[in-house]
Amino acid sequence: MSVYDAVEIERLQGGPAELDRYKGKAVLIVNVASKCGLTPQYAGLERLHEQYAERGFTVLGVPCNQFMGQEPGSADEIAEFCSATYGVTFPMTEKVDVNGAERHPLYKKLVEVPDGEGYTGDVRWNFEKVLVDRDGNAVARFSPQTEPDAPELVAAVEAHLPR
């Protein structure tokens, strides 16, 4: 079943994120954090979002505080930080757990897809990226260290853009 149909998640500023509005689009879902050494990836994610938005693509940021408490802020603090520091315009969801007993249902689906090395299972750190295709299927997974402009990530996004 598609993540667009089967998962409910709230927007960062409240209210349903309505993932089904992304049907027909490619979406890069990224667990994000404001106080991580990888936080500067926000800039690259925003550039990727801007570059492909008109072609049916979006980045979806999912704040998570499970990795050394690196996303401690409230929804308002997270939104302000992302906007003021990195000019983020892509959508963000509520803060969720991506691992463990309280893992959000969205991530129950996303962790099943292997990364380039064949790894499946728990998210390993902030800024792990999962590409979801037009039908809502997780189709590619990228390590936290994979930069948003990495050739393999860009090629995967381009391959899954609407025709």
N, C-alpha and C. Protein backbone atom coordinates (compact mmCIF):
# COMPACT_ATOMS: atom_id res chain seq x y z
N MET A 1 0.84 -1.19 0.00
CA MET A 1 0.00 0.00 0.00
C MET A 1 0.89 1.25 0.00
N SER A 2 0.46 2.25 -0.69
CA SER A 2 1.18 3.50 -0.85
C SER A 2 1.27 4.29 0.45
N VAL A 3 2.43 4.96 0.66
CA VAL A 3 2.52 5.84 1.82
C VAL A 3 1.53 6.99 1.70
N TYR A 4 1.15 7.33 0.49
CA TYR A 4 0.20 8.42 0.29
C TYR A 4 -1.18 8.06 0.81
N ASP A 5 -1.54 6.79 0.75
CA ASP A 5 -2.86 6.35 1.18
C ASP A 5 -2.91 5.88 2.62
N ALA A 6 -1.81 5.33 3.10
CA ALA A 6 -1.86 4.57 4.34
C ALA A 6 -1.34 5.31 5.56
N VAL A 7 -0.77 6.48 5.39
CA VAL A 7 -0.09 7.12 6.51
C VAL A 7 -0.70 8.50 6.80
N GLU A 8 -0.95 8.74 8.08
CA GLU A 8 -1.38 10.06 8.52
C GLU A 8 -0.26 10.68 9.33
N ILE A 9 0.04 11.93 9.03
CA ILE A 9 1.07 12.66 9.76
C ILE A 9 0.67 14.13 9.76
N GLU A 10 1.02 14.82 10.80
CA GLU A 10 0.67 16.24 10.92
C GLU A 10 1.74 17.13 10.30
N ARG A 11 1.34 18.31 9.87
CA ARG A 11 2.29 19.33 9.42
C ARG A 11 3.02 19.89 10.64
N LEU A 12 4.18 20.46 10.42
CA LEU A 12 4.97 21.03 11.50
C LEU A 12 4.16 22.06 12.28
N GLN A 13 3.42 22.89 11.58
CA GLN A 13 2.65 23.95 12.24
C GLN A 13 1.23 23.53 12.58
N GLY A 14 0.97 22.21 12.52
CA GLY A 14 -0.34 21.68 12.90
C GLY A 14 -1.24 21.42 11.72
N GLY A 15 -2.17 20.52 11.90
CA GLY A 15 -3.09 20.12 10.85
C GLY A 15 -2.51 18.98 10.04
N PRO A 16 -3.36 18.24 9.35
CA PRO A 16 -2.88 17.08 8.59
C PRO A 16 -1.98 17.48 7.42
N ALA A 17 -0.92 16.70 7.24
CA ALA A 17 0.01 16.94 6.13
C ALA A 17 -0.57 16.46 4.80
N GLU A 18 -1.59 15.60 4.86
CA GLU A 18 -2.28 15.12 3.66
C GLU A 18 -1.29 14.63 2.60
N LEU A 19 -0.60 13.55 2.90
CA LEU A 19 0.39 13.01 1.99
C LEU A 19 -0.20 12.64 0.63
N ASP A 20 -1.50 12.36 0.59
CA ASP A 20 -2.10 12.00 -0.70
C ASP A 20 -2.04 13.14 -1.71
N ARG A 21 -1.77 14.35 -1.27
CA ARG A 21 -1.63 15.46 -2.23
C ARG A 21 -0.36 15.33 -3.05
N TYR A 22 0.54 14.42 -2.64
CA TYR A 22 1.77 14.19 -3.39
C TYR A 22 1.63 13.07 -4.42
N LYS A 23 0.45 12.47 -4.52
CA LYS A 23 0.24 11.44 -5.54
C LYS A 23 0.61 12.03 -6.90
N GLY A 24 1.35 11.25 -7.66
CA GLY A 24 1.78 11.71 -8.97
C GLY A 24 3.08 12.49 -8.94
N LYS A 25 3.65 12.70 -7.76
CA LYS A 25 4.92 13.43 -7.62
C LYS A 25 5.97 12.51 -7.01
N ALA A 26 7.22 12.88 -7.20
CA ALA A 26 8.32 12.22 -6.49
C ALA A 26 8.60 13.04 -5.24
N VAL A 27 8.86 12.35 -4.14
CA VAL A 27 9.09 13.02 -2.86
C VAL A 27 10.34 12.43 -2.20
N LEU A 28 11.24 13.31 -1.78
CA LEU A 28 12.41 12.89 -1.01
C LEU A 28 12.11 13.17 0.45
N ILE A 29 11.93 12.12 1.24
CA ILE A 29 11.61 12.25 2.65
C ILE A 29 12.91 12.17 3.44
N VAL A 30 13.13 13.18 4.29
CA VAL A 30 14.40 13.30 5.01
C VAL A 30 14.13 13.56 6.48
N ASN A 31 14.70 12.71 7.36
CA ASN A 31 14.60 13.02 8.79
C ASN A 31 15.65 14.08 9.10
N VAL A 32 15.20 15.19 9.62
CA VAL A 32 16.06 16.37 9.78
C VAL A 32 16.24 16.75 11.24
N ALA A 33 17.30 17.52 11.49
CA ALA A 33 17.60 18.02 12.83
C ALA A 33 18.36 19.32 12.72
N SER A 34 18.11 20.23 13.63
CA SER A 34 18.67 21.58 13.57
C SER A 34 20.05 21.72 14.21
N LYS A 35 20.46 20.76 15.01
CA LYS A 35 21.71 20.91 15.75
C LYS A 35 22.67 19.75 15.47
N CYS A 36 22.73 19.34 14.22
CA CYS A 36 23.53 18.20 13.79
C CYS A 36 24.66 18.70 12.90
N GLY A 37 25.74 17.98 12.86
CA GLY A 37 26.82 18.33 11.94
C GLY A 37 26.39 18.29 10.48
N LEU A 38 25.31 17.57 10.18
CA LEU A 38 24.80 17.48 8.81
C LEU A 38 23.72 18.53 8.51
N THR A 39 23.38 19.35 9.49
CA THR A 39 22.33 20.36 9.31
C THR A 39 22.55 21.25 8.10
N PRO A 40 23.78 21.59 7.70
CA PRO A 40 23.95 22.40 6.49
C PRO A 40 23.37 21.76 5.22
N GLN A 41 23.02 20.47 5.28
CA GLN A 41 22.35 19.84 4.14
C GLN A 41 21.01 20.49 3.83
N TYR A 42 20.43 21.20 4.80
CA TYR A 42 19.19 21.92 4.53
C TYR A 42 19.33 22.79 3.28
N ALA A 43 20.47 23.45 3.12
CA ALA A 43 20.68 24.34 1.97
C ALA A 43 20.61 23.54 0.67
N GLY A 44 21.26 22.40 0.61
CA GLY A 44 21.23 21.57 -0.58
C GLY A 44 19.86 20.97 -0.84
N LEU A 45 19.16 20.61 0.23
CA LEU A 45 17.80 20.09 0.07
C LEU A 45 16.89 21.16 -0.51
N GLU A 46 17.05 22.39 -0.03
CA GLU A 46 16.23 23.50 -0.56
C GLU A 46 16.54 23.72 -2.04
N ARG A 47 17.82 23.69 -2.41
CA ARG A 47 18.18 23.86 -3.83
C ARG A 47 17.58 22.75 -4.69
N LEU A 48 17.64 21.51 -4.21
CA LEU A 48 17.06 20.38 -4.94
C LEU A 48 15.55 20.57 -5.09
N HIS A 49 14.92 20.96 -4.01
CA HIS A 49 13.47 21.22 -4.03
C HIS A 49 13.14 22.30 -5.07
N GLU A 50 13.86 23.40 -5.04
CA GLU A 50 13.59 24.49 -5.98
C GLU A 50 13.86 24.08 -7.42
N GLN A 51 14.92 23.31 -7.64
CA GLN A 51 15.30 22.90 -8.99
C GLN A 51 14.23 22.04 -9.66
N TYR A 52 13.59 21.16 -8.89
CA TYR A 52 12.67 20.18 -9.49
C TYR A 52 11.21 20.38 -9.12
N ALA A 53 10.88 21.38 -8.33
CA ALA A 53 9.50 21.56 -7.87
C ALA A 53 8.51 21.69 -9.03
N GLU A 54 8.87 22.42 -10.05
CA GLU A 54 7.95 22.62 -11.18
C GLU A 54 7.78 21.37 -12.03
N ARG A 55 8.64 20.38 -11.80
CA ARG A 55 8.56 19.13 -12.56
C ARG A 55 7.89 18.01 -11.76
N GLY A 56 7.28 18.36 -10.62
CA GLY A 56 6.55 17.36 -9.85
C GLY A 56 7.37 16.68 -8.78
N PHE A 57 8.16 17.46 -8.05
CA PHE A 57 9.02 16.93 -6.99
C PHE A 57 8.94 17.82 -5.77
N THR A 58 9.11 17.21 -4.61
CA THR A 58 9.25 17.98 -3.38
C THR A 58 10.14 17.23 -2.41
N VAL A 59 10.77 17.98 -1.55
CA VAL A 59 11.43 17.44 -0.37
C VAL A 59 10.41 17.54 0.76
N LEU A 60 10.38 16.55 1.61
CA LEU A 60 9.52 16.57 2.80
C LEU A 60 10.41 16.34 4.01
N GLY A 61 10.57 17.38 4.83
CA GLY A 61 11.39 17.29 6.03
C GLY A 61 10.59 16.73 7.19
N VAL A 62 11.21 15.78 7.90
CA VAL A 62 10.56 15.14 9.04
C VAL A 62 11.48 15.29 10.26
N PRO A 63 11.25 16.31 11.10
CA PRO A 63 12.09 16.49 12.27
C PRO A 63 12.06 15.28 13.21
N CYS A 64 13.23 14.98 13.76
CA CYS A 64 13.37 13.86 14.68
C CYS A 64 14.41 14.21 15.74
N ASN A 65 14.11 13.90 16.98
CA ASN A 65 15.02 14.22 18.09
C ASN A 65 15.64 12.96 18.69
N GLN A 66 15.69 11.86 17.94
CA GLN A 66 16.18 10.60 18.48
C GLN A 66 17.69 10.43 18.45
N PHE A 67 18.40 11.28 17.76
CA PHE A 67 19.84 11.11 17.60
C PHE A 67 20.56 12.18 18.41
N MET A 68 20.96 11.81 19.63
CA MET A 68 21.68 12.70 20.55
C MET A 68 20.94 14.01 20.83
N GLY A 69 19.61 13.98 20.76
CA GLY A 69 18.81 15.15 21.10
C GLY A 69 19.10 16.35 20.22
N GLN A 70 19.36 16.10 18.92
CA GLN A 70 19.78 17.17 18.03
C GLN A 70 18.62 17.95 17.37
N GLU A 71 17.39 17.64 17.76
CA GLU A 71 16.24 18.44 17.32
C GLU A 71 15.34 18.70 18.52
N PRO A 72 15.84 19.51 19.48
CA PRO A 72 15.10 19.72 20.73
C PRO A 72 13.98 20.75 20.64
N GLY A 73 13.93 21.54 19.59
CA GLY A 73 13.03 22.68 19.53
C GLY A 73 11.57 22.35 19.37
N SER A 74 10.76 23.36 19.64
CA SER A 74 9.32 23.27 19.40
C SER A 74 9.07 23.42 17.90
N ALA A 75 7.85 23.19 17.49
CA ALA A 75 7.49 23.35 16.08
C ALA A 75 7.82 24.77 15.60
N ASP A 76 7.47 25.78 16.39
CA ASP A 76 7.75 27.16 15.99
C ASP A 76 9.25 27.43 15.89
N GLU A 77 10.02 26.88 16.84
CA GLU A 77 11.47 27.08 16.81
C GLU A 77 12.10 26.40 15.60
N ILE A 78 11.64 25.21 15.28
CA ILE A 78 12.15 24.49 14.11
C ILE A 78 11.83 25.26 12.84
N ALA A 79 10.60 25.69 12.70
CA ALA A 79 10.18 26.44 11.50
C ALA A 79 10.98 27.73 11.35
N GLU A 80 11.16 28.46 12.43
CA GLU A 80 11.92 29.71 12.38
C GLU A 80 13.36 29.45 12.00
N PHE A 81 13.98 28.45 12.62
CA PHE A 81 15.38 28.13 12.31
C PHE A 81 15.55 27.78 10.84
N CYS A 82 14.70 26.90 10.33
CA CYS A 82 14.82 26.45 8.94
C CYS A 82 14.62 27.59 7.95
N SER A 83 13.65 28.43 8.22
CA SER A 83 13.36 29.55 7.35
C SER A 83 14.45 30.62 7.41
N ALA A 84 14.81 31.02 8.61
CA ALA A 84 15.76 32.12 8.78
C ALA A 84 17.18 31.71 8.41
N THR A 85 17.57 30.49 8.73
CA THR A 85 18.96 30.07 8.52
C THR A 85 19.20 29.53 7.12
N TYR A 86 18.24 28.78 6.59
CA TYR A 86 18.47 28.10 5.30
C TYR A 86 17.44 28.45 4.24
N GLY A 87 16.49 29.32 4.54
CA GLY A 87 15.49 29.71 3.54
C GLY A 87 14.61 28.56 3.10
N VAL A 88 14.37 27.61 3.98
CA VAL A 88 13.60 26.41 3.63
C VAL A 88 12.16 26.78 3.27
N THR A 89 11.74 26.31 2.11
CA THR A 89 10.35 26.49 1.68
C THR A 89 9.63 25.15 1.51
N PHE A 90 10.39 24.05 1.52
CA PHE A 90 9.73 22.75 1.34
C PHE A 90 8.93 22.40 2.59
N PRO A 91 7.92 21.54 2.44
CA PRO A 91 7.06 21.21 3.57
C PRO A 91 7.79 20.41 4.66
N MET A 92 7.32 20.60 5.88
CA MET A 92 7.87 19.89 7.04
C MET A 92 6.71 19.28 7.81
N THR A 93 6.97 18.13 8.41
CA THR A 93 5.96 17.47 9.23
C THR A 93 6.25 17.73 10.71
N GLU A 94 5.35 17.22 11.51
CA GLU A 94 5.56 17.22 12.95
C GLU A 94 6.83 16.43 13.29
N LYS A 95 7.36 16.66 14.48
CA LYS A 95 8.51 15.90 14.96
C LYS A 95 8.03 14.50 15.34
N VAL A 96 8.74 13.47 14.85
CA VAL A 96 8.34 12.09 15.11
C VAL A 96 9.56 11.24 15.47
N ASP A 97 9.28 10.03 15.96
CA ASP A 97 10.31 9.02 16.13
C ASP A 97 10.42 8.23 14.82
N VAL A 98 11.64 7.98 14.39
CA VAL A 98 11.87 7.20 13.18
C VAL A 98 12.31 5.78 13.49
N ASN A 99 12.65 5.52 14.73
CA ASN A 99 13.09 4.20 15.18
C ASN A 99 12.39 3.83 16.48
N GLY A 100 12.48 2.57 16.85
CA GLY A 100 12.00 2.11 18.15
C GLY A 100 10.51 1.83 18.21
N ALA A 101 10.06 1.59 19.43
CA ALA A 101 8.68 1.19 19.67
C ALA A 101 7.68 2.26 19.25
N GLU A 102 8.08 3.51 19.28
CA GLU A 102 7.20 4.62 18.90
C GLU A 102 7.45 5.10 17.48
N ARG A 103 8.11 4.28 16.66
CA ARG A 103 8.39 4.65 15.26
C ARG A 103 7.09 5.05 14.57
N HIS A 104 7.12 6.19 13.91
CA HIS A 104 5.93 6.66 13.19
C HIS A 104 5.60 5.69 12.06
N PRO A 105 4.31 5.46 11.77
CA PRO A 105 3.92 4.55 10.69
C PRO A 105 4.57 4.87 9.34
N LEU A 106 4.83 6.14 9.07
CA LEU A 106 5.51 6.50 7.82
C LEU A 106 6.86 5.79 7.74
N TYR A 107 7.60 5.82 8.83
CA TYR A 107 8.93 5.21 8.82
C TYR A 107 8.88 3.69 8.90
N LYS A 108 7.78 3.13 9.37
CA LYS A 108 7.64 1.67 9.31
C LYS A 108 7.70 1.22 7.86
N LYS A 109 7.18 2.03 6.95
CA LYS A 109 7.23 1.70 5.53
C LYS A 109 8.58 2.06 4.91
N LEU A 110 9.13 3.19 5.29
CA LEU A 110 10.34 3.68 4.64
C LEU A 110 11.58 2.85 4.95
N VAL A 111 11.67 2.28 6.14
CA VAL A 111 12.88 1.54 6.51
C VAL A 111 12.99 0.19 5.82
N GLU A 112 11.96 -0.20 5.10
CA GLU A 112 11.99 -1.48 4.39
C GLU A 112 12.82 -1.42 3.11
N VAL A 113 13.01 -0.23 2.54
CA VAL A 113 13.75 -0.11 1.29
C VAL A 113 15.25 -0.11 1.59
N PRO A 114 16.04 -0.86 0.80
CA PRO A 114 17.48 -0.89 1.03
C PRO A 114 18.18 0.34 0.47
N ASP A 115 19.31 0.70 1.10
CA ASP A 115 20.13 1.76 0.54
C ASP A 115 21.08 1.15 -0.50
N GLY A 116 21.99 1.93 -1.03
CA GLY A 116 22.89 1.48 -2.07
C GLY A 116 23.79 0.33 -1.66
N GLU A 117 23.96 0.14 -0.36
CA GLU A 117 24.79 -0.96 0.15
C GLU A 117 23.94 -2.16 0.59
N GLY A 118 22.63 -2.07 0.38
CA GLY A 118 21.74 -3.17 0.74
C GLY A 118 21.20 -3.11 2.16
N TYR A 119 21.51 -2.05 2.89
CA TYR A 119 21.06 -1.92 4.28
C TYR A 119 19.57 -1.61 4.34
N THR A 120 18.86 -2.34 5.17
CA THR A 120 17.48 -2.03 5.52
C THR A 120 17.40 -1.99 7.04
N GLY A 121 16.33 -1.45 7.53
CA GLY A 121 16.15 -1.41 8.98
C GLY A 121 16.23 0.01 9.51
N ASP A 122 16.56 0.11 10.78
CA ASP A 122 16.53 1.39 11.48
C ASP A 122 17.26 2.50 10.72
N VAL A 123 16.72 3.69 10.85
CA VAL A 123 17.39 4.89 10.36
C VAL A 123 18.65 5.04 11.19
N ARG A 124 19.77 5.32 10.53
CA ARG A 124 21.05 5.32 11.24
C ARG A 124 21.44 6.68 11.80
N TRP A 125 20.93 7.78 11.24
CA TRP A 125 21.29 9.11 11.75
C TRP A 125 20.39 10.14 11.09
N ASN A 126 20.50 11.38 11.53
CA ASN A 126 19.79 12.50 10.92
C ASN A 126 20.17 12.61 9.44
N PHE A 127 19.25 13.08 8.65
CA PHE A 127 19.43 13.36 7.23
C PHE A 127 19.56 12.11 6.37
N GLU A 128 19.00 10.98 6.85
CA GLU A 128 18.85 9.84 5.96
C GLU A 128 17.69 10.18 5.03
N LYS A 129 17.84 9.79 3.76
CA LYS A 129 16.91 10.21 2.73
C LYS A 129 16.26 9.01 2.07
N VAL A 130 14.93 9.08 1.85
CA VAL A 130 14.22 8.02 1.16
C VAL A 130 13.40 8.67 0.04
N LEU A 131 13.60 8.18 -1.17
CA LEU A 131 12.84 8.68 -2.32
C LEU A 131 11.59 7.84 -2.50
N VAL A 132 10.47 8.54 -2.61
CA VAL A 132 9.18 7.90 -2.83
C VAL A 132 8.73 8.27 -4.24
N ASP A 133 8.28 7.26 -5.00
CA ASP A 133 7.90 7.51 -6.39
C ASP A 133 6.48 8.09 -6.50
N ARG A 134 6.06 8.31 -7.73
CA ARG A 134 4.76 8.93 -8.02
C ARG A 134 3.58 8.15 -7.45
N ASP A 135 3.78 6.83 -7.24
CA ASP A 135 2.71 5.98 -6.72
C ASP A 135 2.76 5.81 -5.21
N GLY A 136 3.74 6.46 -4.56
CA GLY A 136 3.85 6.37 -3.12
C GLY A 136 4.68 5.21 -2.61
N ASN A 137 5.49 4.61 -3.49
CA ASN A 137 6.35 3.51 -3.09
C ASN A 137 7.76 4.01 -2.80
N ALA A 138 8.35 3.58 -1.69
CA ALA A 138 9.74 3.91 -1.40
C ALA A 138 10.61 3.15 -2.40
N VAL A 139 11.44 3.88 -3.13
CA VAL A 139 12.20 3.27 -4.22
C VAL A 139 13.71 3.40 -4.08
N ALA A 140 14.19 4.28 -3.23
CA ALA A 140 15.63 4.45 -3.05
C ALA A 140 15.89 5.05 -1.68
N ARG A 141 17.01 4.66 -1.11
CA ARG A 141 17.38 5.14 0.22
C ARG A 141 18.84 5.58 0.18
N PHE A 142 19.14 6.69 0.83
CA PHE A 142 20.48 7.27 0.79
C PHE A 142 20.96 7.55 2.21
N SER A 143 22.21 7.30 2.45
CA SER A 143 22.79 7.48 3.78
C SER A 143 22.76 8.95 4.18
N PRO A 144 22.86 9.20 5.47
CA PRO A 144 22.90 10.59 5.94
C PRO A 144 24.03 11.40 5.31
N GLN A 145 25.14 10.78 5.03
CA GLN A 145 26.28 11.50 4.48
C GLN A 145 26.13 11.82 2.99
N THR A 146 25.15 11.22 2.31
CA THR A 146 24.92 11.51 0.90
C THR A 146 24.38 12.93 0.79
N GLU A 147 25.14 13.78 0.13
CA GLU A 147 24.72 15.18 -0.04
C GLU A 147 23.54 15.26 -1.01
N PRO A 148 22.68 16.26 -0.86
CA PRO A 148 21.52 16.40 -1.74
C PRO A 148 21.88 16.57 -3.22
N ASP A 149 23.08 17.02 -3.53
CA ASP A 149 23.47 17.17 -4.93
C ASP A 149 24.34 16.02 -5.43
N ALA A 150 24.42 14.92 -4.66
CA ALA A 150 25.20 13.76 -5.08
C ALA A 150 24.62 13.21 -6.38
N PRO A 151 25.48 12.85 -7.33
CA PRO A 151 24.98 12.37 -8.63
C PRO A 151 23.99 11.22 -8.54
N GLU A 152 24.21 10.28 -7.62
CA GLU A 152 23.31 9.14 -7.53
C GLU A 152 21.94 9.55 -7.00
N LEU A 153 21.89 10.52 -6.11
CA LEU A 153 20.62 11.00 -5.59
C LEU A 153 19.87 11.80 -6.66
N VAL A 154 20.58 12.70 -7.33
CA VAL A 154 19.95 13.50 -8.39
C VAL A 154 19.44 12.60 -9.51
N ALA A 155 20.22 11.59 -9.89
CA ALA A 155 19.78 10.67 -10.95
C ALA A 155 18.52 9.92 -10.54
N ALA A 156 18.43 9.50 -9.27
CA ALA A 156 17.24 8.81 -8.80
C ALA A 156 16.03 9.74 -8.83
N VAL A 157 16.20 10.98 -8.39
CA VAL A 157 15.10 11.94 -8.43
C VAL A 157 14.63 12.11 -9.88
N GLU A 158 15.57 12.35 -10.78
CA GLU A 158 15.21 12.58 -12.19
C GLU A 158 14.50 11.37 -12.79
N ALA A 159 14.90 10.18 -12.41
CA ALA A 159 14.29 8.96 -12.94
C ALA A 159 12.84 8.79 -12.48
N HIS A 160 12.48 9.42 -11.37
CA HIS A 160 11.14 9.25 -10.83
C HIS A 160 10.25 10.46 -10.93
N LEU A 161 10.70 11.48 -11.65
CA LEU A 161 9.84 12.64 -11.89
C LEU A 161 8.66 12.24 -12.77
N PRO A 162 7.54 12.89 -12.63
CA PRO A 162 6.41 12.61 -13.52
C PRO A 162 6.82 12.84 -14.98
N ARG A 163 6.28 12.05 -15.83
CA ARG A 163 6.58 12.16 -17.27
C ARG A 163 5.69 13.17 -17.92
